PDB file of N, CA and C in Angstrom:
ATOM      1  N   MET A   1      90.403  81.037 129.447  1.00  0.00           N
ATOM      2  CA  MET A   1      90.324  81.534 128.068  1.00  0.00           C
ATOM      3  C   MET A   1      90.876  80.457 127.125  1.00  0.00           C
ATOM      4  N   SER A   2      90.128  80.198 126.072  1.00  0.00           N
ATOM      5  CA  SER A   2      90.534  79.224 125.083  1.00  0.00           C
ATOM      6  C   SER A   2      91.761  79.727 124.322  1.00  0.00           C
ATOM      7  N   PRO A   3      92.630  78.821 123.863  1.00  0.00           N
ATOM      8  CA  PRO A   3      93.775  79.279 123.054  1.00  0.00           C
ATOM      9  C   PRO A   3      93.332  79.848 121.700  1.00  0.00           C
ATOM     10  N   ASP A   4      92.083  79.620 121.342  1.00  0.00           N
ATOM     11  CA  ASP A   4      91.567  80.124 120.059  1.00  0.00           C
ATOM     12  C   ASP A   4      90.962  81.499 120.195  1.00  0.00           C
ATOM     13  N   THR A   5      91.027  82.109 121.385  1.00  0.00           N
ATOM     14  CA  THR A   5      90.438  83.418 121.544  1.00  0.00           C
ATOM     15  C   THR A   5      91.439  84.401 122.131  1.00  0.00           C
ATOM     16  N   TYR A   6      91.234  85.638 121.890  1.00  0.00           N
ATOM     17  CA  TYR A   6      92.042  86.726 122.412  1.00  0.00           C
ATOM     18  C   TYR A   6      91.026  87.646 123.102  1.00  0.00           C
ATOM     19  N   GLY A   7      90.902  87.495 124.426  1.00  0.00           N
ATOM     20  CA  GLY A   7      89.822  88.171 125.130  1.00  0.00           C
ATOM     21  C   GLY A   7      88.534  87.557 124.683  1.00  0.00           C
ATOM     22  N   ASP A   8      87.609  88.366 124.224  1.00  0.00           N
ATOM     23  CA  ASP A   8      86.326  87.849 123.758  1.00  0.00           C
ATOM     24  C   ASP A   8      86.308  87.732 122.224  1.00  0.00           C
ATOM     25  N   ILE A   9      87.471  87.861 121.569  1.00  0.00           N
ATOM     26  CA  ILE A   9      87.550  87.852 120.117  1.00  0.00           C
ATOM     27  C   ILE A   9      88.263  86.586 119.641  1.00  0.00           C
ATOM     28  N   SER A  10      87.669  85.860 118.696  1.00  0.00           N
ATOM     29  CA  SER A  10      88.268  84.666 118.160  1.00  0.00           C
ATOM     30  C   SER A  10      89.518  85.043 117.365  1.00  0.00           C
ATOM     31  N   PHE A  11      90.386  84.085 117.150  1.00  0.00           N
ATOM     32  CA  PHE A  11      91.593  84.259 116.376  1.00  0.00           C
ATOM     33  C   PHE A  11      91.242  84.761 114.990  1.00  0.00           C
ATOM     34  N   GLU A  12      90.259  84.145 114.361  1.00  0.00           N
ATOM     35  CA  GLU A  12      89.863  84.504 112.991  1.00  0.00           C
ATOM     36  C   GLU A  12      89.362  85.943 112.949  1.00  0.00           C
ATOM     37  N   ASP A  13      88.557  86.357 113.937  1.00  0.00           N
ATOM     38  CA  ASP A  13      88.050  87.725 113.963  1.00  0.00           C
ATOM     39  C   ASP A  13      89.206  88.717 114.203  1.00  0.00           C
ATOM     40  N   ARG A  14      90.157  88.356 115.060  1.00  0.00           N
ATOM     41  CA  ARG A  14      91.302  89.233 115.295  1.00  0.00           C
ATOM     42  C   ARG A  14      92.121  89.384 114.044  1.00  0.00           C
ATOM     43  N   MET A  15      92.354  88.280 113.314  1.00  0.00           N
ATOM     44  CA  MET A  15      93.122  88.373 112.071  1.00  0.00           C
ATOM     45  C   MET A  15      92.408  89.167 111.017  1.00  0.00           C
ATOM     46  N   ALA A  16      91.087  89.213 111.071  1.00  0.00           N
ATOM     47  CA  ALA A  16      90.311  89.996 110.123  1.00  0.00           C
ATOM     48  C   ALA A  16      90.538  91.499 110.332  1.00  0.00           C
ATOM     49  N   THR A  17      91.113  91.859 111.460  1.00  0.00           N
ATOM     50  CA  THR A  17      91.394  93.283 111.719  1.00  0.00           C
ATOM     51  C   THR A  17      92.778  93.717 111.192  1.00  0.00           C
ATOM     52  N   ALA A  18      93.452  92.803 110.540  1.00  0.00           N
ATOM     53  CA  ALA A  18      94.776  93.114 109.991  1.00  0.00           C
ATOM     54  C   ALA A  18      94.668  93.829 108.646  1.00  0.00           C
ATOM     55  N   ASP A  19      95.477  94.851 108.503  1.00  0.00           N
ATOM     56  CA  ASP A  19      95.581  95.602 107.252  1.00  0.00           C
ATOM     57  C   ASP A  19      97.003  95.422 106.757  1.00  0.00           C
ATOM     58  N   PHE A  20      97.156  95.126 105.494  1.00  0.00           N
ATOM     59  CA  PHE A  20      98.496  94.864 104.938  1.00  0.00           C
ATOM     60  C   PHE A  20      98.839  95.975 103.987  1.00  0.00           C
ATOM     61  N   ARG A  21      99.891  96.722 104.331  1.00  0.00           N
ATOM     62  CA  ARG A  21     100.416  97.788 103.472  1.00  0.00           C
ATOM     63  C   ARG A  21     101.634  97.256 102.771  1.00  0.00           C
ATOM     64  N   VAL A  22     101.394  96.808 101.532  1.00  0.00           N
ATOM     65  CA  VAL A  22     102.383  96.037 100.781  1.00  0.00           C
ATOM     66  C   VAL A  22     103.329  96.957 100.003  1.00  0.00           C
ATOM     67  N   HIS A  23     104.629  96.726 100.198  1.00  0.00           N
ATOM     68  CA  HIS A  23     105.646  97.439  99.455  1.00  0.00           C
ATOM     69  C   HIS A  23     106.047  96.586  98.270  1.00  0.00           C
ATOM     70  N   GLU A  24     106.528  97.200  97.221  1.00  0.00           N
ATOM     71  CA  GLU A  24     106.971  96.441  96.049  1.00  0.00           C
ATOM     72  C   GLU A  24     108.207  95.580  96.312  1.00  0.00           C
ATOM     73  N   ARG A  25     109.003  95.989  97.327  1.00  0.00           N
ATOM     74  CA  ARG A  25     110.176  95.177  97.704  1.00  0.00           C
ATOM     75  C   ARG A  25     109.711  94.170  98.767  1.00  0.00           C
ATOM     76  N   PRO A  26     109.829  92.890  98.463  1.00  0.00           N
ATOM     77  CA  PRO A  26     109.441  91.878  99.490  1.00  0.00           C
ATOM     78  C   PRO A  26     110.372  91.947 100.704  1.00  0.00           C
ATOM     79  N   HIS A  27     109.820  91.844 101.864  1.00  0.00           N
ATOM     80  CA  HIS A  27     110.648  91.777 103.063  1.00  0.00           C
ATOM     81  C   HIS A  27     111.064  90.352 103.400  1.00  0.00           C
ATOM     82  N   ILE A  28     110.466  89.394 102.690  1.00  0.00           N
ATOM     83  CA  ILE A  28     110.829  87.988 102.811  1.00  0.00           C
ATOM     84  C   ILE A  28     111.086  87.470 101.384  1.00  0.00           C
ATOM     85  N   THR A  29     112.193  86.785 101.218  1.00  0.00           N
ATOM     86  CA  THR A  29     112.468  86.131  99.946  1.00  0.00           C
ATOM     87  C   THR A  29     112.653  84.653 100.252  1.00  0.00           C
ATOM     88  N   VAL A  30     112.147  83.818  99.357  1.00  0.00           N
ATOM     89  CA  VAL A  30     112.254  82.368  99.510  1.00  0.00           C
ATOM     90  C   VAL A  30     112.873  81.791  98.249  1.00  0.00           C
ATOM     91  N   ASP A  31     113.938  81.031  98.445  1.00  0.00           N
ATOM     92  CA  ASP A  31     114.590  80.349  97.333  1.00  0.00           C
ATOM     93  C   ASP A  31     113.881  78.995  97.178  1.00  0.00           C
ATOM     94  N   THR A  32     112.831  78.979  96.411  1.00  0.00           N
ATOM     95  CA  THR A  32     111.996  77.777  96.268  1.00  0.00           C
ATOM     96  C   THR A  32     112.768  76.616  95.613  1.00  0.00           C
ATOM     97  N   ALA A  33     113.869  76.853  94.952  1.00  0.00           N
ATOM     98  CA  ALA A  33     114.718  75.806  94.404  1.00  0.00           C
ATOM     99  C   ALA A  33     115.325  74.985  95.562  1.00  0.00           C
ATOM    100  N   VAL A  34     115.677  75.667  96.659  1.00  0.00           N
ATOM    101  CA  VAL A  34     116.206  74.983  97.837  1.00  0.00           C
ATOM    102  C   VAL A  34     115.048  74.194  98.503  1.00  0.00           C
ATOM    103  N   CYS A  35     113.882  74.759  98.509  1.00  0.00           N
ATOM    104  CA  CYS A  35     112.719  74.141  99.188  1.00  0.00           C
ATOM    105  C   CYS A  35     112.316  72.796  98.556  1.00  0.00           C
ATOM    106  N   VAL A  36     112.578  72.620  97.295  1.00  0.00           N
ATOM    107  CA  VAL A  36     112.206  71.402  96.596  1.00  0.00           C
ATOM    108  C   VAL A  36     112.844  70.187  97.257  1.00  0.00           C
ATOM    109  N   SER A  37     114.063  70.357  97.748  1.00  0.00           N
ATOM    110  CA  SER A  37     114.776  69.221  98.356  1.00  0.00           C
ATOM    111  C   SER A  37     114.556  69.111  99.855  1.00  0.00           C
ATOM    112  N   CYS A  38     113.753  69.976 100.432  1.00  0.00           N
ATOM    113  CA  CYS A  38     113.499  69.952 101.863  1.00  0.00           C
ATOM    114  C   CYS A  38     112.512  68.834 102.201  1.00  0.00           C
ATOM    115  N   PRO A  39     112.938  67.864 103.023  1.00  0.00           N
ATOM    116  CA  PRO A  39     112.044  66.749 103.331  1.00  0.00           C
ATOM    117  C   PRO A  39     110.936  67.033 104.312  1.00  0.00           C
ATOM    118  N   THR A  40     111.106  68.085 105.149  1.00  0.00           N
ATOM    119  CA  THR A  40     110.105  68.338 106.206  1.00  0.00           C
ATOM    120  C   THR A  40     109.257  69.574 106.003  1.00  0.00           C
ATOM    121  N   ARG A  41     109.785  70.561 105.321  1.00  0.00           N
ATOM    122  CA  ARG A  41     109.086  71.821 105.027  1.00  0.00           C
ATOM    123  C   ARG A  41     108.349  72.368 106.301  1.00  0.00           C
ATOM    124  N   PRO A  42     109.055  72.626 107.367  1.00  0.00           N
ATOM    125  CA  PRO A  42     108.420  73.102 108.552  1.00  0.00           C
ATOM    126  C   PRO A  42     107.748  74.465 108.439  1.00  0.00           C
ATOM    127  N   CYS A  43     108.128  75.224 107.416  1.00  0.00           N
ATOM    128  CA  CYS A  43     107.493  76.543 107.182  1.00  0.00           C
ATOM    129  C   CYS A  43     106.031  76.407 106.865  1.00  0.00           C
ATOM    130  N   VAL A  44     105.641  75.325 106.223  1.00  0.00           N
ATOM    131  CA  VAL A  44     104.232  75.159 105.795  1.00  0.00           C
ATOM    132  C   VAL A  44     103.281  75.165 106.983  1.00  0.00           C
ATOM    133  N   PRO A  45     103.439  74.282 107.960  1.00  0.00           N
ATOM    134  CA  PRO A  45     102.525  74.307 109.107  1.00  0.00           C
ATOM    135  C   PRO A  45     102.819  75.455 110.102  1.00  0.00           C
ATOM    136  N   ALA A  46     104.043  75.955 110.107  1.00  0.00           N
ATOM    137  CA  ALA A  46     104.424  76.987 111.089  1.00  0.00           C
ATOM    138  C   ALA A  46     103.886  78.357 110.766  1.00  0.00           C
ATOM    139  N   CYS A  47     103.661  78.658 109.511  1.00  0.00           N
ATOM    140  CA  CYS A  47     103.233  80.010 109.115  1.00  0.00           C
ATOM    141  C   CYS A  47     101.781  80.244 109.510  1.00  0.00           C
ATOM    142  N   PRO A  48     101.530  81.193 110.442  1.00  0.00           N
ATOM    143  CA  PRO A  48     100.158  81.470 110.850  1.00  0.00           C
ATOM    144  C   PRO A  48      99.286  82.062 109.795  1.00  0.00           C
ATOM    145  N   ALA A  49      99.896  82.618 108.763  1.00  0.00           N
ATOM    146  CA  ALA A  49      99.131  83.195 107.661  1.00  0.00           C
ATOM    147  C   ALA A  49      98.971  82.246 106.470  1.00  0.00           C
ATOM    148  N   ALA A  50      99.512  81.034 106.583  1.00  0.00           N
ATOM    149  CA  ALA A  50      99.423  80.030 105.540  1.00  0.00           C
ATOM    150  C   ALA A  50      99.966  80.536 104.209  1.00  0.00           C
ATOM    151  N   LEU A  51     101.153  81.162 104.239  1.00  0.00           N
ATOM    152  CA  LEU A  51     101.712  81.745 103.011  1.00  0.00           C
ATOM    153  C   LEU A  51     102.587  80.770 102.212  1.00  0.00           C
ATOM    154  N   PHE A  52     102.913  79.618 102.810  1.00  0.00           N
ATOM    155  CA  PHE A  52     103.711  78.616 102.124  1.00  0.00           C
ATOM    156  C   PHE A  52     102.775  77.470 101.715  1.00  0.00           C
ATOM    157  N   VAL A  53     102.684  77.239 100.395  1.00  0.00           N
ATOM    158  CA  VAL A  53     101.758  76.260  99.886  1.00  0.00           C
ATOM    159  C   VAL A  53     102.490  75.245  98.991  1.00  0.00           C
ATOM    160  N   PRO A  54     102.485  73.958  99.398  1.00  0.00           N
ATOM    161  CA  PRO A  54     103.124  72.935  98.562  1.00  0.00           C
ATOM    162  C   PRO A  54     102.309  72.751  97.283  1.00  0.00           C
ATOM    163  N   THR A  55     103.015  72.475  96.203  1.00  0.00           N
ATOM    164  CA  THR A  55     102.348  72.224  94.899  1.00  0.00           C
ATOM    165  C   THR A  55     102.370  70.736  94.601  1.00  0.00           C
ATOM    166  N   ALA A  56     101.545  70.337  93.685  1.00  0.00           N
ATOM    167  CA  ALA A  56     101.440  68.923  93.308  1.00  0.00           C
ATOM    168  C   ALA A  56     102.764  68.380  92.711  1.00  0.00           C
ATOM    169  N   ASP A  57     103.512  69.247  92.088  1.00  0.00           N
ATOM    170  CA  ASP A  57     104.769  68.777  91.434  1.00  0.00           C
ATOM    171  C   ASP A  57     105.956  68.851  92.372  1.00  0.00           C
ATOM    172  N   GLY A  58     105.753  69.040  93.674  1.00  0.00           N
ATOM    173  CA  GLY A  58     106.839  69.052  94.657  1.00  0.00           C
ATOM    174  C   GLY A  58     107.427  70.408  94.910  1.00  0.00           C
ATOM    175  N   GLY A  59     106.887  71.413  94.264  1.00  0.00           N
ATOM    176  CA  GLY A  59     107.385  72.775  94.466  1.00  0.00           C
ATOM    177  C   GLY A  59     106.718  73.447  95.688  1.00  0.00           C
ATOM    178  N   LEU A  60     106.965  74.717  95.808  1.00  0.00           N
ATOM    179  CA  LEU A  60     106.420  75.465  96.933  1.00  0.00           C
ATOM    180  C   LEU A  60     106.084  76.881  96.438  1.00  0.00           C
ATOM    181  N   LEU A  61     104.885  77.301  96.695  1.00  0.00           N
ATOM    182  CA  LEU A  61     104.486  78.657  96.379  1.00  0.00           C
ATOM    183  C   LEU A  61     104.576  79.512  97.613  1.00  0.00           C
ATOM    184  N   PHE A  62     105.000  80.739  97.463  1.00  0.00           N
ATOM    185  CA  PHE A  62     105.123  81.641  98.615  1.00  0.00           C
ATOM    186  C   PHE A  62     104.590  83.021  98.228  1.00  0.00           C
ATOM    187  N   ASN A  63     103.869  83.650  99.160  1.00  0.00           N
ATOM    188  CA  ASN A  63     103.306  84.956  98.937  1.00  0.00           C
ATOM    189  C   ASN A  63     103.578  85.812 100.174  1.00  0.00           C
ATOM    190  N   TYR A  64     104.307  86.923 100.038  1.00  0.00           N
ATOM    191  CA  TYR A  64     104.661  87.751 101.169  1.00  0.00           C
ATOM    192  C   TYR A  64     103.635  88.816 101.530  1.00  0.00           C
ATOM    193  N   GLU A  65     102.669  89.033 100.663  1.00  0.00           N
ATOM    194  CA  GLU A  65     101.790  90.196 100.792  1.00  0.00           C
ATOM    195  C   GLU A  65     100.904  90.171 102.069  1.00  0.00           C
ATOM    196  N   HIS A  66     100.612  89.032 102.622  1.00  0.00           N
ATOM    197  CA  HIS A  66      99.780  88.949 103.824  1.00  0.00           C
ATOM    198  C   HIS A  66     100.555  88.393 105.032  1.00  0.00           C
ATOM    199  N   CYS A  67     101.799  88.715 105.094  1.00  0.00           N
ATOM    200  CA  CYS A  67     102.667  88.245 106.148  1.00  0.00           C
ATOM    201  C   CYS A  67     102.422  89.005 107.466  1.00  0.00           C
ATOM    202  N   PHE A  68     102.382  88.246 108.572  1.00  0.00           N
ATOM    203  CA  PHE A  68     102.212  88.853 109.887  1.00  0.00           C
ATOM    204  C   PHE A  68     103.529  89.312 110.511  1.00  0.00           C
ATOM    205  N   GLU A  69     104.630  89.101 109.807  1.00  0.00           N
ATOM    206  CA  GLU A  69     105.981  89.531 110.216  1.00  0.00           C
ATOM    207  C   GLU A  69     106.441  88.900 111.532  1.00  0.00           C
ATOM    208  N   CYS A  70     106.035  87.659 111.748  1.00  0.00           N
ATOM    209  CA  CYS A  70     106.421  86.989 112.980  1.00  0.00           C
ATOM    210  C   CYS A  70     107.824  86.385 112.918  1.00  0.00           C
ATOM    211  N   GLY A  71     108.309  86.075 111.716  1.00  0.00           N
ATOM    212  CA  GLY A  71     109.635  85.507 111.539  1.00  0.00           C
ATOM    213  C   GLY A  71     109.728  84.005 111.805  1.00  0.00           C
ATOM    214  N   VAL A  72     108.611  83.374 112.050  1.00  0.00           N
ATOM    215  CA  VAL A  72     108.626  81.945 112.360  1.00  0.00           C
ATOM    216  C   VAL A  72     109.210  81.153 111.175  1.00  0.00           C
ATOM    217  N   CYS A  73     108.874  81.487 109.948  1.00  0.00           N
ATOM    218  CA  CYS A  73     109.398  80.729 108.796  1.00  0.00           C
ATOM    219  C   CYS A  73     110.914  80.756 108.802  1.00  0.00           C
ATOM    220  N   TYR A  74     111.465  81.905 109.079  1.00  0.00           N
ATOM    221  CA  TYR A  74     112.922  82.090 109.086  1.00  0.00           C
ATOM    222  C   TYR A  74     113.554  81.237 110.197  1.00  0.00           C
ATOM    223  N   GLN A  75     112.875  81.211 111.352  1.00  0.00           N
ATOM    224  CA  GLN A  75     113.417  80.465 112.504  1.00  0.00           C
ATOM    225  C   GLN A  75     113.361  78.953 112.324  1.00  0.00           C
ATOM    226  N   VAL A  76     112.301  78.438 111.701  1.00  0.00           N
ATOM    227  CA  VAL A  76     112.130  76.984 111.639  1.00  0.00           C
ATOM    228  C   VAL A  76     112.786  76.377 110.372  1.00  0.00           C
ATOM    229  N   CYS A  77     113.176  77.175 109.438  1.00  0.00           N
ATOM    230  CA  CYS A  77     113.764  76.656 108.173  1.00  0.00           C
ATOM    231  C   CYS A  77     115.098  75.992 108.474  1.00  0.00           C
ATOM    232  N   PRO A  78     115.252  74.728 108.064  1.00  0.00           N
ATOM    233  CA  PRO A  78     116.504  73.996 108.330  1.00  0.00           C
ATOM    234  C   PRO A  78     117.595  74.279 107.284  1.00  0.00           C
ATOM    235  N   ALA A  79     117.251  74.903 106.175  1.00  0.00           N
ATOM    236  CA  ALA A  79     118.225  75.134 105.108  1.00  0.00           C
ATOM    237  C   ALA A  79     118.889  76.507 105.263  1.00  0.00           C
ATOM    238  N   ASP A  80     120.184  76.528 105.050  1.00  0.00           N
ATOM    239  CA  ASP A  80     120.902  77.814 105.089  1.00  0.00           C
ATOM    240  C   ASP A  80     120.510  78.650 103.874  1.00  0.00           C
ATOM    241  N   ASP A  81     120.171  79.878 104.112  1.00  0.00           N
ATOM    242  CA  ASP A  81     119.904  80.863 103.063  1.00  0.00           C
ATOM    243  C   ASP A  81     118.683  80.542 102.190  1.00  0.00           C
ATOM    244  N   ALA A  82     117.786  79.666 102.592  1.00  0.00           N
ATOM    245  CA  ALA A  82     116.573  79.435 101.814  1.00  0.00           C
ATOM    246  C   ALA A  82     115.597  80.575 101.999  1.00  0.00           C
ATOM    247  N   ILE A  83     115.548  81.160 103.191  1.00  0.00           N
ATOM    248  CA  ILE A  83     114.628  82.239 103.489  1.00  0.00           C
ATOM    249  C   ILE A  83     115.435  83.449 103.944  1.00  0.00           C
ATOM    250  N   GLY A  84     115.213  84.562 103.267  1.00  0.00           N
ATOM    251  CA  GLY A  84     115.804  85.831 103.650  1.00  0.00           C
ATOM    252  C   GLY A  84     114.680  86.692 104.262  1.00  0.00           C
ATOM    253  N   TRP A  85     114.876  87.185 105.464  1.00  0.00           N
ATOM    254  CA  TRP A  85     113.825  87.895 106.172  1.00  0.00           C
ATOM    255  C   TRP A  85     114.365  89.200 106.735  1.00  0.00           C
ATOM    256  N   SER A  86     113.608  90.266 106.575  1.00  0.00           N
ATOM    257  CA  SER A  86     113.915  91.565 107.184  1.00  0.00           C
ATOM    258  C   SER A  86     112.599  92.265 107.466  1.00  0.00           C
ATOM    259  N   TYR A  87     112.614  93.283 108.262  1.00  0.00           N
ATOM    260  CA  TYR A  87     111.399  94.039 108.498  1.00  0.00           C
ATOM    261  C   TYR A  87     111.041  94.800 107.223  1.00  0.00           C
ATOM    262  N   PRO A  88     109.736  95.036 106.971  1.00  0.00           N
ATOM    263  CA  PRO A  88     109.350  95.857 105.803  1.00  0.00           C
ATOM    264  C   PRO A  88     109.844  97.272 105.939  1.00  0.00           C
ATOM    265  N   ASP A  89     109.986  97.966 104.830  1.00  0.00           N
ATOM    266  CA  ASP A  89     110.364  99.364 104.880  1.00  0.00           C
ATOM    267  C   ASP A  89     109.326 100.153 105.683  1.00  0.00           C
ATOM    268  N   GLY A  90     109.793 101.258 106.229  1.00  0.00           N
ATOM    269  CA  GLY A  90     108.935 102.096 107.089  1.00  0.00           C
ATOM    270  C   GLY A  90     107.624 102.441 106.441  1.00  0.00           C
ATOM    271  N   GLY A  91     106.526 102.323 107.201  1.00  0.00           N
ATOM    272  CA  GLY A  91     105.190 102.609 106.672  1.00  0.00           C
ATOM    273  C   GLY A  91     104.502 101.465 105.997  1.00  0.00           C
ATOM    274  N   PHE A  92     105.238 100.338 105.844  1.00  0.00           N
ATOM    275  CA  PHE A  92     104.679  99.177 105.147  1.00  0.00           C
ATOM    276  C   PHE A  92     104.633  97.995 106.104  1.00  0.00           C
ATOM    277  N   GLY A  93     103.870  97.007 105.737  1.00  0.00           N
ATOM    278  CA  GLY A  93     103.764  95.754 106.530  1.00  0.00           C
ATOM    279  C   GLY A  93     102.381  95.647 107.125  1.00  0.00           C
ATOM    280  N   VAL A  94     102.286  94.778 108.112  1.00  0.00           N
ATOM    281  CA  VAL A  94     100.976  94.502 108.771  1.00  0.00           C
ATOM    282  C   VAL A  94     100.677  95.576 109.800  1.00  0.00           C
ATOM    283  N   VAL A  95      99.406  95.947 109.820  1.00  0.00           N
ATOM    284  CA  VAL A  95      98.895  96.890 110.834  1.00  0.00           C
ATOM    285  C   VAL A  95      97.634  96.242 111.424  1.00  0.00           C
ATOM    286  N   PHE A  96      97.604  96.078 112.741  1.00  0.00           N
ATOM    287  CA  PHE A  96      96.427  95.505 113.355  1.00  0.00           C
ATOM    288  C   PHE A  96      95.556  96.651 113.863  1.00  0.00           C
ATOM    289  N   ARG A  97      94.351  96.690 113.344  1.00  0.00           N
ATOM    290  CA  ARG A  97      93.349  97.704 113.743  1.00  0.00           C
ATOM    291  C   ARG A  97      92.610  97.208 114.954  1.00  0.00           C
ATOM    292  N   LYS A  98      92.170  98.075 115.790  1.00  0.00           N
ATOM    293  CA  LYS A  98      91.361  97.654 116.940  1.00  0.00           C
ATOM    294  C   LYS A  98      90.041  97.155 116.417  1.00  0.00           C
ATOM    295  N   GLY A  99      89.706  95.907 116.809  1.00  0.00           N
ATOM    296  CA  GLY A  99      88.464  95.252 116.362  1.00  0.00           C
ATOM    297  C   GLY A  99      87.300  95.781 117.048  1.00  0.00           C
TER     298      GLY A  99
END
């Protein structure tokens, strides 16, 4: 089995089965002021949902609405307190539907 497939379903097709139930309270917060001074920004390539986007002026944009809740960003971030992560409130977050 290829690493790009899950059974007979490609990664892209599997991710298309995700439904995001977004709560008004973000379950991830990012202090982008801290991110400006980060030389490596490991969150950018590590996020499977590509929610961390560098900007031309050296900033970082972040969007929690399509988060897969894996916690990788929180784990790879080298800065203390730059990323605050918790599970979404009950009934909210990502739901994977059977493809």
